Amino acid sequence: MKFQHATIFIILTGLTTAAGAGGGLLHTLTSPDGVFVVSYHDPLVACRKTAQAWEPVESCVAPICGESDMVCITYPHDAFPDSDLVSATFSLRAVPEEHDASACLKQWTRRDYPTPTSRKIAGVIFKAIHRDGVASGVAADTYEYRAFHNGTCYELHVSTAYVNPEMADPGVIKPLPQSVRRKIDASLDQTLNSFRFLK
């Protein structure tokens, strides 16, 4: 499968009432060509890509959802009002310039990246890295996973970002309890582990 353009739309193919770490209804997204499927629970939302932007804009604005992302699943912007959570997102993209397995992984492991480890997701071995950093008072934590499948380099991202409450007046931003942060991480990890190649 080769991608010539970044604009690739996803379709909603299933809705059940099964609950999990994220709670709520279980939604399933399948790629239009039937190559992969991924699931997520409420309150996570699947952003919709239009010709102009990701929607709903309030929750899916860049850089939460990237221009080249095929799938972007995130917490809605009002899930934790007045908290330090900036974003919590699962995203997926194809890397069309990497045409073989070697290039898919070699180009990704730049000198400023940590040494990749391996993680199995639904029986497929992905190379994985963890990056974190702070910029403009926002601490970002990102896990990236790459695999080469049927001629395409796939890259999955799980990322969270929190703003330092001291960047605002006292009491304006409330830090989320660690127990809530763990639930957010668990729901994103559940989404990651739901990813499957279908063909």
Protein backbone atom coordinates (compact mmCIF):
# COMPACT_ATOMS: atom_id res chain seq x y z
CA MET A 1 0.00 0.00 0.00
CA LYS A 2 1.54 3.30 -1.09
CA PHE A 3 0.35 6.71 0.08
CA GLN A 4 0.70 9.55 -2.40
CA HIS A 5 -1.05 12.19 -0.30
CA ALA A 6 -1.32 12.93 3.39
CA THR A 7 -5.10 13.30 3.31
CA ILE A 8 -6.49 9.87 4.10
CA PHE A 9 -9.92 9.50 5.67
CA ILE A 10 -11.04 6.90 8.20
CA ILE A 11 -14.48 5.41 8.65
CA LEU A 12 -16.38 4.34 11.74
CA THR A 13 -17.24 0.68 11.34
CA GLY A 14 -18.43 -0.54 14.72
CA LEU A 15 -20.00 0.51 17.99
CA THR A 16 -20.51 -1.75 20.99
CA THR A 17 -21.19 -1.21 24.68
CA ALA A 18 -18.12 -3.03 25.98
CA ALA A 19 -16.30 -1.15 28.73
CA GLY A 20 -12.61 -1.12 29.55
CA ALA A 21 -9.90 0.99 31.17
CA GLY A 22 -11.20 4.05 29.34
CA GLY A 23 -14.83 3.29 30.28
CA GLY A 24 -17.87 4.09 28.12
CA LEU A 25 -18.73 2.79 24.68
CA LEU A 26 -16.22 0.99 22.51
CA HIS A 27 -15.72 2.52 19.05
CA THR A 28 -13.82 0.84 16.22
CA LEU A 29 -12.12 2.56 13.30
CA THR A 30 -11.10 0.64 10.19
CA SER A 31 -8.94 2.10 7.44
CA PRO A 32 -10.81 2.59 4.13
CA ASP A 33 -8.68 -0.09 2.45
CA GLY A 34 -9.26 -2.54 5.31
CA VAL A 35 -5.57 -2.81 6.18
CA PHE A 36 -5.82 -1.95 9.89
CA VAL A 37 -8.27 -1.45 12.72
CA VAL A 38 -8.03 0.38 16.05
CA SER A 39 -10.52 0.76 18.91
CA TYR A 40 -11.05 3.29 21.67
CA HIS A 41 -13.44 3.94 24.56
CA ASP A 42 -15.35 7.06 25.55
CA PRO A 43 -14.51 9.74 26.51
CA LEU A 44 -11.78 9.57 23.84
CA VAL A 45 -12.89 11.03 20.51
CA ALA A 46 -11.78 10.26 16.97
CA CYS A 47 -10.86 13.44 15.15
CA ARG A 48 -12.17 13.88 11.59
CA LYS A 49 -9.87 15.12 8.87
CA THR A 50 -11.25 17.66 6.42
CA ALA A 51 -9.55 19.49 3.57
CA GLN A 52 -8.83 22.42 5.90
CA ALA A 53 -8.20 20.95 9.37
CA TRP A 54 -8.93 18.27 11.92
CA GLU A 55 -12.33 18.51 13.65
CA PRO A 56 -13.59 19.18 16.22
CA VAL A 57 -11.05 21.99 16.17
CA GLU A 58 -11.18 22.57 19.94
CA SER A 59 -9.83 19.08 20.66
CA CYS A 60 -7.95 18.22 17.47
CA VAL A 61 -6.00 21.36 16.61
CA ALA A 62 -2.34 20.95 15.59
CA PRO A 63 0.01 19.82 17.00
CA ILE A 64 -2.38 17.42 18.78
CA CYS A 65 -3.26 15.97 15.37
CA GLY A 66 -0.58 16.22 12.71
CA GLU A 67 -1.03 17.03 9.04
CA SER A 68 0.23 13.60 7.99
CA ASP A 69 -1.73 11.61 10.59
CA MET A 70 -4.18 9.04 9.25
CA VAL A 71 -5.85 8.48 12.63
CA CYS A 72 -5.98 10.84 15.61
CA ILE A 73 -7.80 9.81 18.79
CA THR A 74 -7.65 12.19 21.73
CA TYR A 75 -9.27 13.30 24.95
CA PRO A 76 -11.75 16.14 24.29
CA HIS A 77 -10.50 19.56 25.33
CA ASP A 78 -13.15 19.83 28.07
CA ALA A 79 -12.62 16.37 29.59
CA PHE A 80 -10.71 17.84 32.54
CA PRO A 81 -11.55 21.56 32.69
CA ASP A 82 -9.11 23.87 34.50
CA SER A 83 -6.60 21.02 34.84
CA ASP A 84 -2.96 20.87 33.78
CA LEU A 85 -3.72 18.37 30.97
CA VAL A 86 -2.91 19.90 27.57
CA SER A 87 -3.44 16.77 25.45
CA ALA A 88 -3.55 12.98 25.59
CA THR A 89 -3.51 11.39 22.15
CA PHE A 90 -3.07 8.23 20.09
CA SER A 91 -2.18 8.86 16.46
CA LEU A 92 -1.06 6.86 13.46
CA ARG A 93 0.60 7.81 10.21
CA ALA A 94 2.28 6.19 7.25
CA VAL A 95 5.80 7.29 6.34
CA PRO A 96 5.64 7.17 2.52
CA GLU A 97 9.28 8.10 1.95
CA GLU A 98 10.50 4.93 3.70
CA HIS A 99 10.11 2.15 1.13
CA ASP A 100 11.73 -0.78 2.91
CA ALA A 101 12.09 -2.10 6.45
CA SER A 102 15.69 -0.94 6.81
CA ALA A 103 14.90 2.64 5.82
CA CYS A 104 11.77 2.66 7.96
CA LEU A 105 13.83 2.09 11.10
CA LYS A 106 17.19 3.60 10.16
CA GLN A 107 15.88 7.04 9.25
CA TRP A 108 13.79 7.11 12.40
CA THR A 109 16.68 6.47 14.77
CA ARG A 110 18.41 9.81 14.38
CA ARG A 111 21.36 10.68 16.55
CA ASP A 112 19.23 12.67 18.97
CA TYR A 113 16.82 9.75 19.47
CA PRO A 114 17.25 7.07 22.14
CA THR A 115 18.11 3.50 21.19
CA PRO A 116 14.92 1.69 20.14
CA THR A 117 13.50 -1.21 22.08
CA SER A 118 10.92 -3.72 20.83
CA ARG A 119 7.24 -4.10 21.67
CA LYS A 120 4.81 -6.67 20.36
CA ILE A 121 1.36 -5.35 19.44
CA ALA A 122 -1.17 -7.96 18.28
CA GLY A 123 1.63 -10.32 17.30
CA VAL A 124 3.62 -7.74 15.32
CA ILE A 125 7.01 -6.56 16.54
CA PHE A 126 7.29 -2.77 16.58
CA LYS A 127 10.45 -0.82 17.25
CA ALA A 128 9.76 1.60 20.08
CA ILE A 129 11.30 4.75 21.51
CA HIS A 130 10.38 7.03 24.40
CA ARG A 131 11.00 10.76 24.23
CA ASP A 132 10.20 13.47 26.74
CA GLY A 133 10.97 17.13 27.15
CA VAL A 134 9.81 20.50 28.42
CA ALA A 135 9.16 23.59 26.30
CA SER A 136 7.34 26.81 27.22
CA GLY A 137 6.22 25.30 30.51
CA VAL A 138 4.66 22.21 28.89
CA ALA A 139 6.06 18.76 29.67
CA ALA A 140 5.51 16.30 26.83
CA ASP A 141 5.87 12.53 27.05
CA THR A 142 5.81 10.58 23.78
CA TYR A 143 6.09 6.90 22.85
CA GLU A 144 6.62 6.11 19.16
CA TYR A 145 6.31 2.71 17.49
CA ARG A 146 7.34 1.73 13.97
CA ALA A 147 6.75 -1.38 11.88
CA PHE A 148 7.10 -2.14 8.19
CA HIS A 149 4.04 -3.98 6.89
CA ASN A 150 3.20 -4.95 3.30
CA GLY A 151 5.38 -2.26 1.76
CA THR A 152 4.41 0.56 4.12
CA CYS A 153 6.20 2.07 7.11
CA TYR A 154 3.67 2.66 9.90
CA GLU A 155 4.31 4.93 12.87
CA LEU A 156 2.09 4.92 15.96
CA HIS A 157 2.27 7.63 18.63
CA VAL A 158 1.01 7.77 22.21
CA SER A 159 1.59 11.16 23.78
CA THR A 160 0.57 13.24 26.78
CA ALA A 161 1.35 16.85 27.61
CA TYR A 162 0.86 18.73 30.86
CA VAL A 163 1.36 22.42 31.56
CA ASN A 164 3.16 23.60 34.67
CA PRO A 165 0.45 25.11 36.95
CA GLU A 166 2.97 27.75 38.04
CA MET A 167 2.69 29.26 34.56
CA ALA A 168 -0.68 30.72 35.61
CA ASP A 169 -2.02 32.58 38.62
CA PRO A 170 -2.36 30.47 41.79
CA GLY A 171 -5.40 28.19 41.72
CA VAL A 172 -6.20 28.76 38.05
CA ILE A 173 -4.73 25.43 36.86
CA LYS A 174 -5.31 22.36 39.01
CA PRO A 175 -2.89 19.42 38.69
CA LEU A 176 -4.61 16.13 37.94
CA PRO A 177 -4.15 13.50 40.65
CA GLN A 178 -1.72 10.72 39.79
CA SER A 179 -4.62 8.24 39.88
CA VAL A 180 -6.34 10.17 37.05
CA ARG A 181 -3.09 10.39 35.08
CA ARG A 182 -2.71 6.63 35.36
CA LYS A 183 -6.25 6.14 34.01
CA ILE A 184 -5.47 8.42 31.07
CA ASP A 185 -2.27 6.47 30.34
CA ALA A 186 -4.18 3.18 30.63
CA SER A 187 -6.87 4.28 28.16
CA LEU A 188 -4.24 5.34 25.61
CA ASP A 189 -2.32 2.10 26.11
CA GLN A 190 -5.55 0.18 25.62
CA THR A 191 -6.08 1.99 22.32
CA LEU A 192 -2.51 1.21 21.26
CA ASN A 193 -2.92 -2.47 22.09
CA SER A 194 -6.16 -2.63 20.08
CA PHE A 195 -4.30 -1.81 16.86
CA ARG A 196 -4.42 -4.70 14.37
CA PHE A 197 -3.28 -5.32 10.82
CA LEU A 198 -6.13 -7.08 9.03
CA LYS A 199 -4.26 -7.89 5.82
